[in-house]
Amino acid sequence: MGNTSKRYSAEVQERAVRLFQEHVHEYPSRWAAMQAIAGKIGSTAETLRSWVVKAEAEAAADPRRNASLADRERVKQLERENAELKRANEILRKVSAFFAQAELDRRGK
């Protein structure tokens, strides 16, 4: 079998690493996330793993960049919590309306 290596642009590599970092929490393991995301961008999971390792090493070497990644992750976490709270509030509003109507119906009899 011949060597079928591909060259990916820096933009593709950065996008793939960003996708991984933003969605890794949705998978049971880092490797599972790498396999899924690599399949979407047309690379191998091992290739993506090497990009992620390199990006993480660069982030560790540059505290400002590392802080930026931490901030983005925190924003993502807060957005997930916000969405969950909105769903809970909607459920509570519906339950409250249900019981209020039931109370009105009970008083009317």
PDB file of N, CA and C in Angstrom:
ATOM      1  N   MET A   1       0.837  -1.185   0.000  1.00  0.00           N
ATOM      2  CA  MET A   1       0.000   0.000   0.000  1.00  0.00           C
ATOM      3  C   MET A   1       0.879   1.245   0.000  1.00  0.00           C
ATOM      4  N   GLY A   2       0.526   2.234  -0.764  1.00  0.00           N
ATOM      5  CA  GLY A   2       1.318   3.451  -0.852  1.00  0.00           C
ATOM      6  C   GLY A   2       0.975   4.421   0.262  1.00  0.00           C
ATOM      7  N   ASN A   3       1.797   5.395   0.413  1.00  0.00           N
ATOM      8  CA  ASN A   3       1.567   6.427   1.416  1.00  0.00           C
ATOM      9  C   ASN A   3       0.478   7.358   0.895  1.00  0.00           C
ATOM     10  N   THR A   4      -0.603   7.468   1.635  1.00  0.00           N
ATOM     11  CA  THR A   4      -1.734   8.289   1.196  1.00  0.00           C
ATOM     12  C   THR A   4      -1.920   9.483   2.125  1.00  0.00           C
ATOM     13  N   SER A   5      -0.817  10.018   2.643  1.00  0.00           N
ATOM     14  CA  SER A   5      -0.943  11.121   3.588  1.00  0.00           C
ATOM     15  C   SER A   5      -1.463  12.366   2.874  1.00  0.00           C
ATOM     16  N   LYS A   6      -2.250  13.128   3.604  1.00  0.00           N
ATOM     17  CA  LYS A   6      -2.814  14.373   3.095  1.00  0.00           C
ATOM     18  C   LYS A   6      -2.201  15.523   3.883  1.00  0.00           C
ATOM     19  N   ARG A   7      -2.194  16.670   3.282  1.00  0.00           N
ATOM     20  CA  ARG A   7      -1.790  17.877   3.985  1.00  0.00           C
ATOM     21  C   ARG A   7      -3.061  18.680   4.230  1.00  0.00           C
ATOM     22  N   TYR A   8      -3.248  19.087   5.465  1.00  0.00           N
ATOM     23  CA  TYR A   8      -4.410  19.894   5.819  1.00  0.00           C
ATOM     24  C   TYR A   8      -3.937  21.308   6.101  1.00  0.00           C
ATOM     25  N   SER A   9      -4.732  22.272   5.683  1.00  0.00           N
ATOM     26  CA  SER A   9      -4.366  23.667   5.929  1.00  0.00           C
ATOM     27  C   SER A   9      -4.418  23.959   7.425  1.00  0.00           C
ATOM     28  N   ALA A  10      -3.726  25.012   7.812  1.00  0.00           N
ATOM     29  CA  ALA A  10      -3.729  25.419   9.219  1.00  0.00           C
ATOM     30  C   ALA A  10      -5.154  25.743   9.674  1.00  0.00           C
ATOM     31  N   GLU A  11      -5.955  26.303   8.787  1.00  0.00           N
ATOM     32  CA  GLU A  11      -7.338  26.655   9.136  1.00  0.00           C
ATOM     33  C   GLU A  11      -8.152  25.402   9.447  1.00  0.00           C
ATOM     34  N   VAL A  12      -7.965  24.364   8.629  1.00  0.00           N
ATOM     35  CA  VAL A  12      -8.688  23.109   8.866  1.00  0.00           C
ATOM     36  C   VAL A  12      -8.250  22.500  10.192  1.00  0.00           C
ATOM     37  N   GLN A  13      -6.954  22.516  10.453  1.00  0.00           N
ATOM     38  CA  GLN A  13      -6.446  21.963  11.705  1.00  0.00           C
ATOM     39  C   GLN A  13      -6.991  22.730  12.903  1.00  0.00           C
ATOM     40  N   GLU A  14      -6.971  24.061  12.841  1.00  0.00           N
ATOM     41  CA  GLU A  14      -7.480  24.884  13.942  1.00  0.00           C
ATOM     42  C   GLU A  14      -8.966  24.652  14.155  1.00  0.00           C
ATOM     43  N   ARG A  15      -9.709  24.560  13.063  1.00  0.00           N
ATOM     44  CA  ARG A  15     -11.155  24.324  13.171  1.00  0.00           C
ATOM     45  C   ARG A  15     -11.439  22.962  13.802  1.00  0.00           C
ATOM     46  N   ALA A  16     -10.674  21.952  13.390  1.00  0.00           N
ATOM     47  CA  ALA A  16     -10.868  20.608  13.934  1.00  0.00           C
ATOM     48  C   ALA A  16     -10.555  20.581  15.430  1.00  0.00           C
ATOM     49  N   VAL A  17      -9.482  21.238  15.823  1.00  0.00           N
ATOM     50  CA  VAL A  17      -9.118  21.285  17.248  1.00  0.00           C
ATOM     51  C   VAL A  17     -10.197  22.028  18.021  1.00  0.00           C
ATOM     52  N   ARG A  18     -10.691  23.133  17.467  1.00  0.00           N
ATOM     53  CA  ARG A  18     -11.744  23.904  18.143  1.00  0.00           C
ATOM     54  C   ARG A  18     -13.016  23.065  18.281  1.00  0.00           C
ATOM     55  N   LEU A  19     -13.392  22.341  17.216  1.00  0.00           N
ATOM     56  CA  LEU A  19     -14.559  21.459  17.284  1.00  0.00           C
ATOM     57  C   LEU A  19     -14.382  20.433  18.397  1.00  0.00           C
ATOM     58  N   PHE A  20     -13.190  19.856  18.454  1.00  0.00           N
ATOM     59  CA  PHE A  20     -12.909  18.872  19.492  1.00  0.00           C
ATOM     60  C   PHE A  20     -13.070  19.499  20.875  1.00  0.00           C
ATOM     61  N   GLN A  21     -12.443  20.652  21.088  1.00  0.00           N
ATOM     62  CA  GLN A  21     -12.487  21.292  22.398  1.00  0.00           C
ATOM     63  C   GLN A  21     -13.901  21.700  22.798  1.00  0.00           C
ATOM     64  N   GLU A  22     -14.699  22.094  21.831  1.00  0.00           N
ATOM     65  CA  GLU A  22     -16.059  22.539  22.129  1.00  0.00           C
ATOM     66  C   GLU A  22     -17.026  21.384  22.356  1.00  0.00           C
ATOM     67  N   HIS A  23     -16.731  20.201  21.802  1.00  0.00           N
ATOM     68  CA  HIS A  23     -17.694  19.105  21.861  1.00  0.00           C
ATOM     69  C   HIS A  23     -17.201  17.860  22.592  1.00  0.00           C
ATOM     70  N   VAL A  24     -15.992  17.886  23.104  1.00  0.00           N
ATOM     71  CA  VAL A  24     -15.442  16.681  23.751  1.00  0.00           C
ATOM     72  C   VAL A  24     -16.324  16.219  24.911  1.00  0.00           C
ATOM     73  N   HIS A  25     -16.965  17.169  25.608  1.00  0.00           N
ATOM     74  CA  HIS A  25     -17.814  16.820  26.758  1.00  0.00           C
ATOM     75  C   HIS A  25     -19.056  16.015  26.346  1.00  0.00           C
ATOM     76  N   GLU A  26     -19.387  16.001  25.063  1.00  0.00           N
ATOM     77  CA  GLU A  26     -20.573  15.290  24.586  1.00  0.00           C
ATOM     78  C   GLU A  26     -20.313  13.803  24.328  1.00  0.00           C
ATOM     79  N   TYR A  27     -19.080  13.382  24.487  1.00  0.00           N
ATOM     80  CA  TYR A  27     -18.685  12.006  24.180  1.00  0.00           C
ATOM     81  C   TYR A  27     -18.210  11.299  25.448  1.00  0.00           C
ATOM     82  N   PRO A  28     -18.277   9.970  25.457  1.00  0.00           N
ATOM     83  CA  PRO A  28     -17.873   9.227  26.661  1.00  0.00           C
ATOM     84  C   PRO A  28     -16.366   9.277  26.932  1.00  0.00           C
ATOM     85  N   SER A  29     -15.571   9.600  25.912  1.00  0.00           N
ATOM     86  CA  SER A  29     -14.120   9.688  26.108  1.00  0.00           C
ATOM     87  C   SER A  29     -13.534  10.651  25.082  1.00  0.00           C
ATOM     88  N   ARG A  30     -12.307  11.084  25.348  1.00  0.00           N
ATOM     89  CA  ARG A  30     -11.617  11.957  24.391  1.00  0.00           C
ATOM     90  C   ARG A  30     -11.427  11.228  23.058  1.00  0.00           C
ATOM     91  N   TRP A  31     -11.087   9.948  23.128  1.00  0.00           N
ATOM     92  CA  TRP A  31     -10.846   9.180  21.904  1.00  0.00           C
ATOM     93  C   TRP A  31     -12.130   9.058  21.078  1.00  0.00           C
ATOM     94  N   ALA A  32     -13.252   8.826  21.747  1.00  0.00           N
ATOM     95  CA  ALA A  32     -14.531   8.737  21.029  1.00  0.00           C
ATOM     96  C   ALA A  32     -14.829  10.063  20.321  1.00  0.00           C
ATOM     97  N   ALA A  33     -14.550  11.180  21.001  1.00  0.00           N
ATOM     98  CA  ALA A  33     -14.760  12.497  20.386  1.00  0.00           C
ATOM     99  C   ALA A  33     -13.838  12.665  19.182  1.00  0.00           C
ATOM    100  N   MET A  34     -12.587  12.254  19.338  1.00  0.00           N
ATOM    101  CA  MET A  34     -11.632  12.383  18.232  1.00  0.00           C
ATOM    102  C   MET A  34     -12.065  11.562  17.028  1.00  0.00           C
ATOM    103  N   GLN A  35     -12.533  10.351  17.271  1.00  0.00           N
ATOM    104  CA  GLN A  35     -12.974   9.498  16.164  1.00  0.00           C
ATOM    105  C   GLN A  35     -14.154  10.122  15.429  1.00  0.00           C
ATOM    106  N   ALA A  36     -15.124  10.622  16.183  1.00  0.00           N
ATOM    107  CA  ALA A  36     -16.317  11.201  15.564  1.00  0.00           C
ATOM    108  C   ALA A  36     -15.981  12.471  14.780  1.00  0.00           C
ATOM    109  N   ILE A  37     -15.202  13.342  15.382  1.00  0.00           N
ATOM    110  CA  ILE A  37     -14.882  14.617  14.733  1.00  0.00           C
ATOM    111  C   ILE A  37     -13.951  14.401  13.545  1.00  0.00           C
ATOM    112  N   ALA A  38     -13.002  13.503  13.685  1.00  0.00           N
ATOM    113  CA  ALA A  38     -12.087  13.207  12.573  1.00  0.00           C
ATOM    114  C   ALA A  38     -12.874  12.704  11.362  1.00  0.00           C
ATOM    115  N   GLY A  39     -13.872  11.872  11.613  1.00  0.00           N
ATOM    116  CA  GLY A  39     -14.692  11.378  10.517  1.00  0.00           C
ATOM    117  C   GLY A  39     -15.427  12.494   9.799  1.00  0.00           C
ATOM    118  N   LYS A  40     -15.804  13.524  10.526  1.00  0.00           N
ATOM    119  CA  LYS A  40     -16.532  14.643   9.925  1.00  0.00           C
ATOM    120  C   LYS A  40     -15.633  15.525   9.067  1.00  0.00           C
ATOM    121  N   ILE A  41     -14.351  15.591   9.414  1.00  0.00           N
ATOM    122  CA  ILE A  41     -13.457  16.469   8.658  1.00  0.00           C
ATOM    123  C   ILE A  41     -12.625  15.712   7.637  1.00  0.00           C
ATOM    124  N   GLY A  42     -12.743  14.382   7.630  1.00  0.00           N
ATOM    125  CA  GLY A  42     -12.035  13.585   6.645  1.00  0.00           C
ATOM    126  C   GLY A  42     -10.601  13.250   6.997  1.00  0.00           C
ATOM    127  N   SER A  43     -10.287  13.254   8.286  1.00  0.00           N
ATOM    128  CA  SER A  43      -8.942  12.862   8.715  1.00  0.00           C
ATOM    129  C   SER A  43      -9.064  11.606   9.567  1.00  0.00           C
ATOM    130  N   THR A  44      -7.934  11.116  10.018  1.00  0.00           N
ATOM    131  CA  THR A  44      -7.969   9.987  10.943  1.00  0.00           C
ATOM    132  C   THR A  44      -8.002  10.529  12.368  1.00  0.00           C
ATOM    133  N   ALA A  45      -8.456   9.708  13.281  1.00  0.00           N
ATOM    134  CA  ALA A  45      -8.494  10.114  14.682  1.00  0.00           C
ATOM    135  C   ALA A  45      -7.076  10.378  15.193  1.00  0.00           C
ATOM    136  N   GLU A  46      -6.130   9.609  14.726  1.00  0.00           N
ATOM    137  CA  GLU A  46      -4.735   9.801  15.154  1.00  0.00           C
ATOM    138  C   GLU A  46      -4.199  11.151  14.687  1.00  0.00           C
ATOM    139  N   THR A  47      -4.560  11.552  13.485  1.00  0.00           N
ATOM    140  CA  THR A  47      -4.140  12.862  12.983  1.00  0.00           C
ATOM    141  C   THR A  47      -4.726  13.963  13.855  1.00  0.00           C
ATOM    142  N   LEU A  48      -6.014  13.868  14.140  1.00  0.00           N
ATOM    143  CA  LEU A  48      -6.658  14.857  14.999  1.00  0.00           C
ATOM    144  C   LEU A  48      -6.019  14.850  16.384  1.00  0.00           C
ATOM    145  N   ARG A  49      -5.725  13.660  16.908  1.00  0.00           N
ATOM    146  CA  ARG A  49      -5.091  13.575  18.224  1.00  0.00           C
ATOM    147  C   ARG A  49      -3.771  14.342  18.238  1.00  0.00           C
ATOM    148  N   SER A  50      -2.981  14.206  17.181  1.00  0.00           N
ATOM    149  CA  SER A  50      -1.697  14.913  17.137  1.00  0.00           C
ATOM    150  C   SER A  50      -1.910  16.429  17.091  1.00  0.00           C
ATOM    151  N   TRP A  51      -2.944  16.886  16.368  1.00  0.00           N
ATOM    152  CA  TRP A  51      -3.239  18.322  16.331  1.00  0.00           C
ATOM    153  C   TRP A  51      -3.670  18.824  17.709  1.00  0.00           C
ATOM    154  N   VAL A  52      -4.504  18.038  18.396  1.00  0.00           N
ATOM    155  CA  VAL A  52      -4.991  18.428  19.720  1.00  0.00           C
ATOM    156  C   VAL A  52      -3.830  18.487  20.711  1.00  0.00           C
ATOM    157  N   VAL A  53      -2.965  17.480  20.686  1.00  0.00           N
ATOM    158  CA  VAL A  53      -1.808  17.459  21.595  1.00  0.00           C
ATOM    159  C   VAL A  53      -0.939  18.694  21.350  1.00  0.00           C
ATOM    160  N   LYS A  54      -0.691  19.007  20.078  1.00  0.00           N
ATOM    161  CA  LYS A  54       0.124  20.178  19.738  1.00  0.00           C
ATOM    162  C   LYS A  54      -0.549  21.465  20.230  1.00  0.00           C
ATOM    163  N   ALA A  55      -1.842  21.596  19.990  1.00  0.00           N
ATOM    164  CA  ALA A  55      -2.570  22.801  20.409  1.00  0.00           C
ATOM    165  C   ALA A  55      -2.572  22.937  21.928  1.00  0.00           C
ATOM    166  N   GLU A  56      -2.746  21.822  22.628  1.00  0.00           N
ATOM    167  CA  GLU A  56      -2.741  21.872  24.095  1.00  0.00           C
ATOM    168  C   GLU A  56      -1.366  22.253  24.624  1.00  0.00           C
ATOM    169  N   ALA A  57      -0.297  21.757  23.987  1.00  0.00           N
ATOM    170  CA  ALA A  57       1.064  22.118  24.390  1.00  0.00           C
ATOM    171  C   ALA A  57       1.309  23.604  24.151  1.00  0.00           C
ATOM    172  N   GLU A  58       0.858  24.109  23.010  1.00  0.00           N
ATOM    173  CA  GLU A  58       1.016  25.530  22.717  1.00  0.00           C
ATOM    174  C   GLU A  58       0.221  26.383  23.700  1.00  0.00           C
ATOM    175  N   ALA A  59      -0.983  25.940  24.061  1.00  0.00           N
ATOM    176  CA  ALA A  59      -1.812  26.684  25.009  1.00  0.00           C
ATOM    177  C   ALA A  59      -1.162  26.708  26.391  1.00  0.00           C
ATOM    178  N   ALA A  60      -0.558  25.604  26.779  1.00  0.00           N
ATOM    179  CA  ALA A  60       0.107  25.541  28.085  1.00  0.00           C
ATOM    180  C   ALA A  60       1.320  26.462  28.113  1.00  0.00           C
ATOM    181  N   ALA A  61       1.974  26.626  26.962  1.00  0.00           N
ATOM    182  CA  ALA A  61       3.158  27.472  26.893  1.00  0.00           C
ATOM    183  C   ALA A  61       2.800  28.960  26.868  1.00  0.00           C
ATOM    184  N   ASP A  62       1.570  29.286  26.483  1.00  0.00           N
ATOM    185  CA  ASP A  62       1.139  30.687  26.386  1.00  0.00           C
ATOM    186  C   ASP A  62      -0.037  30.904  27.335  1.00  0.00           C
ATOM    187  N   PRO A  63       0.216  31.419  28.546  1.00  0.00           N
ATOM    188  CA  PRO A  63      -0.861  31.574  29.547  1.00  0.00           C
ATOM    189  C   PRO A  63      -2.037  32.415  29.059  1.00  0.00           C
ATOM    190  N   ARG A  64      -1.770  33.428  28.207  1.00  0.00           N
ATOM    191  CA  ARG A  64      -2.880  34.259  27.708  1.00  0.00           C
ATOM    192  C   ARG A  64      -3.820  33.441  26.853  1.00  0.00           C
ATOM    193  N   ARG A  65      -3.278  32.598  25.991  1.00  0.00           N
ATOM    194  CA  ARG A  65      -4.109  31.741  25.140  1.00  0.00           C
ATOM    195  C   ARG A  65      -4.844  30.722  25.988  1.00  0.00           C
ATOM    196  N   ASN A  66      -4.164  30.182  26.967  1.00  0.00           N
ATOM    197  CA  ASN A  66      -4.770  29.198  27.854  1.00  0.00           C
ATOM    198  C   ASN A  66      -5.957  29.811  28.589  1.00  0.00           C
ATOM    199  N   ALA A  67      -5.807  31.048  29.040  1.00  0.00           N
ATOM    200  CA  ALA A  67      -6.906  31.734  29.723  1.00  0.00           C
ATOM    201  C   ALA A  67      -8.084  31.913  28.770  1.00  0.00           C
ATOM    202  N   SER A  68      -7.783  32.231  27.523  1.00  0.00           N
ATOM    203  CA  SER A  68      -8.837  32.412  26.536  1.00  0.00           C
ATOM    204  C   SER A  68      -9.611  31.108  26.322  1.00  0.00           C
ATOM    205  N   LEU A  69      -8.896  29.984  26.247  1.00  0.00           N
ATOM    206  CA  LEU A  69      -9.558  28.686  26.101  1.00  0.00           C
ATOM    207  C   LEU A  69     -10.407  28.384  27.326  1.00  0.00           C
ATOM    208  N   ALA A  70      -9.887  28.683  28.502  1.00  0.00           N
ATOM    209  CA  ALA A  70     -10.634  28.449  29.738  1.00  0.00           C
ATOM    210  C   ALA A  70     -11.892  29.317  29.767  1.00  0.00           C
ATOM    211  N   ASP A  71     -11.764  30.560  29.328  1.00  0.00           N
ATOM    212  CA  ASP A  71     -12.922  31.453  29.281  1.00  0.00           C
ATOM    213  C   ASP A  71     -13.986  30.927  28.332  1.00  0.00           C
ATOM    214  N   ARG A  72     -13.567  30.468  27.158  1.00  0.00           N
ATOM    215  CA  ARG A  72     -14.527  29.928  26.190  1.00  0.00           C
ATOM    216  C   ARG A  72     -15.231  28.694  26.747  1.00  0.00           C
ATOM    217  N   GLU A  73     -14.471  27.834  27.416  1.00  0.00           N
ATOM    218  CA  GLU A  73     -15.073  26.633  28.003  1.00  0.00           C
ATOM    219  C   GLU A  73     -16.070  27.011  29.089  1.00  0.00           C
ATOM    220  N   ARG A  74     -15.730  28.010  29.894  1.00  0.00           N
ATOM    221  CA  ARG A  74     -16.629  28.467  30.959  1.00  0.00           C
ATOM    222  C   ARG A  74     -17.910  29.054  30.359  1.00  0.00           C
ATOM    223  N   VAL A  75     -17.783  29.819  29.294  1.00  0.00           N
ATOM    224  CA  VAL A  75     -18.962  30.379  28.627  1.00  0.00           C
ATOM    225  C   VAL A  75     -19.845  29.254  28.102  1.00  0.00           C
ATOM    226  N   LYS A  76     -19.236  28.247  27.487  1.00  0.00           N
ATOM    227  CA  LYS A  76     -20.011  27.100  26.981  1.00  0.00           C
ATOM    228  C   LYS A  76     -20.753  26.418  28.125  1.00  0.00           C
ATOM    229  N   GLN A  77     -20.056  26.231  29.250  1.00  0.00           N
ATOM    230  CA  GLN A  77     -20.690  25.579  30.396  1.00  0.00           C
ATOM    231  C   GLN A  77     -21.861  26.426  30.906  1.00  0.00           C
ATOM    232  N   LEU A  78     -21.660  27.724  31.000  1.00  0.00           N
ATOM    233  CA  LEU A  78     -22.741  28.599  31.459  1.00  0.00           C
ATOM    234  C   LEU A  78     -23.910  28.612  30.479  1.00  0.00           C
ATOM    235  N   GLU A  79     -23.631  28.537  29.185  1.00  0.00           N
ATOM    236  CA  GLU A  79     -24.711  28.471  28.195  1.00  0.00           C
ATOM    237  C   GLU A  79     -25.514  27.185  28.355  1.00  0.00           C
ATOM    238  N   ARG A  80     -24.833  26.068  28.632  1.00  0.00           N
ATOM    239  CA  ARG A  80     -25.548  24.801  28.857  1.00  0.00           C
ATOM    240  C   ARG A  80     -26.418  24.889  30.108  1.00  0.00           C
ATOM    241  N   GLU A  81     -25.860  25.469  31.181  1.00  0.00           N
ATOM    242  CA  GLU A  81     -26.629  25.623  32.419  1.00  0.00           C
ATOM    243  C   GLU A  81     -27.824  26.541  32.199  1.00  0.00           C
ATOM    244  N   ASN A  82     -27.627  27.611  31.443  1.00  0.00           N
ATOM    245  CA  ASN A  82     -28.708  28.547  31.154  1.00  0.00           C
ATOM    246  C   ASN A  82     -29.835  27.853  30.398  1.00  0.00           C
ATOM    247  N   ALA A  83     -29.486  27.065  29.397  1.00  0.00           N
ATOM    248  CA  ALA A  83     -30.502  26.342  28.627  1.00  0.00           C
ATOM    249  C   ALA A  83     -31.266  25.370  29.521  1.00  0.00           C
ATOM    250  N   GLU A  84     -30.539  24.691  30.407  1.00  0.00           N
ATOM    251  CA  GLU A  84     -31.190  23.750  31.325  1.00  0.00           C
ATOM    252  C   GLU A  84     -32.151  24.482  32.267  1.00  0.00           C
ATOM    253  N   LEU A  85     -31.742  25.634  32.776  1.00  0.00           N
ATOM    254  CA  LEU A  85     -32.613  26.416  33.662  1.00  0.00           C
ATOM    255  C   LEU A  85     -33.842  26.941  32.912  1.00  0.00           C
ATOM    256  N   LYS A  86     -33.670  27.323  31.663  1.00  0.00           N
ATOM    257  CA  LYS A  86     -34.831  27.774  30.874  1.00  0.00           C
ATOM    258  C   LYS A  86     -35.831  26.640  30.697  1.00  0.00           C
ATOM    259  N   ARG A  87     -35.318  25.427  30.430  1.00  0.00           N
ATOM    260  CA  ARG A  87     -36.222  24.271  30.306  1.00  0.00           C
ATOM    261  C   ARG A  87     -36.948  24.008  31.619  1.00  0.00           C
ATOM    262  N   ALA A  88     -36.229  24.082  32.732  1.00  0.00           N
ATOM    263  CA  ALA A  88     -36.845  23.848  34.035  1.00  0.00           C
ATOM    264  C   ALA A  88     -37.905  24.906  34.331  1.00  0.00           C
ATOM    265  N   ASN A  89     -37.610  26.161  34.021  1.00  0.00           N
ATOM    266  CA  ASN A  89     -38.588  27.233  34.252  1.00  0.00           C
ATOM    267  C   ASN A  89     -39.839  27.034  33.408  1.00  0.00           C
ATOM    268  N   GLU A  90     -39.673  26.596  32.175  1.00  0.00           N
ATOM    269  CA  GLU A  90     -40.828  26.347  31.303  1.00  0.00           C
ATOM    270  C   GLU A  90     -41.703  25.233  31.881  1.00  0.00           C
ATOM    271  N   ILE A  91     -41.069  24.189  32.382  1.00  0.00           N
ATOM    272  CA  ILE A  91     -41.817  23.090  33.011  1.00  0.00           C
ATOM    273  C   ILE A  91     -42.562  23.606  34.230  1.00  0.00           C
ATOM    274  N   LEU A  92     -41.896  24.403  35.057  1.00  0.00           N
ATOM    275  CA  LEU A  92     -42.551  24.951  36.252  1.00  0.00           C
ATOM    276  C   LEU A  92     -43.720  25.864  35.899  1.00  0.00           C
ATOM    277  N   ARG A  93     -43.575  26.662  34.835  1.00  0.00           N
ATOM    278  CA  ARG A  93     -44.686  27.523  34.404  1.00  0.00           C
ATOM    279  C   ARG A  93     -45.896  26.685  33.982  1.00  0.00           C
ATOM    280  N   LYS A  94     -45.638  25.616  33.242  1.00  0.00           N
ATOM    281  CA  LYS A  94     -46.738  24.769  32.780  1.00  0.00           C
ATOM    282  C   LYS A  94     -47.413  24.056  33.942  1.00  0.00           C
ATOM    283  N   VAL A  95     -46.620  23.560  34.878  1.00  0.00           N
ATOM    284  CA  VAL A  95     -47.183  22.878  36.051  1.00  0.00           C
ATOM    285  C   VAL A  95     -48.002  23.857  36.882  1.00  0.00           C
ATOM    286  N   SER A  96     -47.466  25.061  37.057  1.00  0.00           N
ATOM    287  CA  SER A  96     -48.178  26.084  37.827  1.00  0.00           C
ATOM    288  C   SER A  96     -49.511  26.425  37.161  1.00  0.00           C
ATOM    289  N   ALA A  97     -49.510  26.588  35.851  1.00  0.00           N
ATOM    290  CA  ALA A  97     -50.752  26.895  35.132  1.00  0.00           C
ATOM    291  C   ALA A  97     -51.734  25.739  35.246  1.00  0.00           C
ATOM    292  N   PHE A  98     -51.238  24.519  35.181  1.00  0.00           N
ATOM    293  CA  PHE A  98     -52.101  23.345  35.309  1.00  0.00           C
ATOM    294  C   PHE A  98     -52.792  23.332  36.668  1.00  0.00           C
ATOM    295  N   PHE A  99     -52.006  23.529  37.727  1.00  0.00           N
ATOM    296  CA  PHE A  99     -52.594  23.490  39.068  1.00  0.00           C
ATOM    297  C   PHE A  99     -53.490  24.697  39.331  1.00  0.00           C
ATOM    298  N   ALA A 100     -53.161  25.844  38.783  1.00  0.00           N
ATOM    299  CA  ALA A 100     -54.022  27.015  38.937  1.00  0.00           C
ATOM    300  C   ALA A 100     -55.369  26.761  38.270  1.00  0.00           C
ATOM    301  N   GLN A 101     -55.372  26.168  37.089  1.00  0.00           N
ATOM    302  CA  GLN A 101     -56.620  25.845  36.393  1.00  0.00           C
ATOM    303  C   GLN A 101     -57.410  24.796  37.174  1.00  0.00           C
ATOM    304  N   ALA A 102     -56.703  23.819  37.706  1.00  0.00           N
ATOM    305  CA  ALA A 102     -57.371  22.777  38.496  1.00  0.00           C
ATOM    306  C   ALA A 102     -58.034  23.374  39.709  1.00  0.00           C
ATOM    307  N   GLU A 103     -57.368  24.350  40.357  1.00  0.00           N
ATOM    308  CA  GLU A 103     -57.938  25.023  41.540  1.00  0.00           C
ATOM    309  C   GLU A 103     -59.176  25.837  41.145  1.00  0.00           C
ATOM    310  N   LEU A 104     -59.129  26.517  40.009  1.00  0.00           N
ATOM    311  CA  LEU A 104     -60.290  27.271  39.535  1.00  0.00           C
ATOM    312  C   LEU A 104     -61.456  26.345  39.230  1.00  0.00           C
ATOM    313  N   ASP A 105     -61.157  25.218  38.610  1.00  0.00           N
ATOM    314  CA  ASP A 105     -62.198  24.236  38.285  1.00  0.00           C
ATOM    315  C   ASP A 105     -62.826  23.684  39.574  1.00  0.00           C
ATOM    316  N   ARG A 106     -61.989  23.427  40.596  1.00  0.00           N
ATOM    317  CA  ARG A 106     -62.471  22.882  41.856  1.00  0.00           C
ATOM    318  C   ARG A 106     -63.363  23.890  42.567  1.00  0.00           C
ATOM    319  N   ARG A 107     -62.994  25.164  42.537  1.00  0.00           N
ATOM    320  CA  ARG A 107     -63.801  26.203  43.204  1.00  0.00           C
ATOM    321  C   ARG A 107     -65.129  26.447  42.481  1.00  0.00           C
ATOM    322  N   GLY A 108     -65.138  26.191  41.191  1.00  0.00           N
ATOM    323  CA  GLY A 108     -66.340  26.459  40.409  1.00  0.00           C
ATOM    324  C   GLY A 108     -67.424  25.415  40.628  1.00  0.00           C
ATOM    325  N   LYS A 109     -67.091  24.309  41.232  1.00  0.00           N
ATOM    326  CA  LYS A 109     -68.088  23.247  41.418  1.00  0.00           C
ATOM    327  C   LYS A 109     -68.846  23.379  42.695  1.00  0.00           C
TER     328      LYS A 109
END
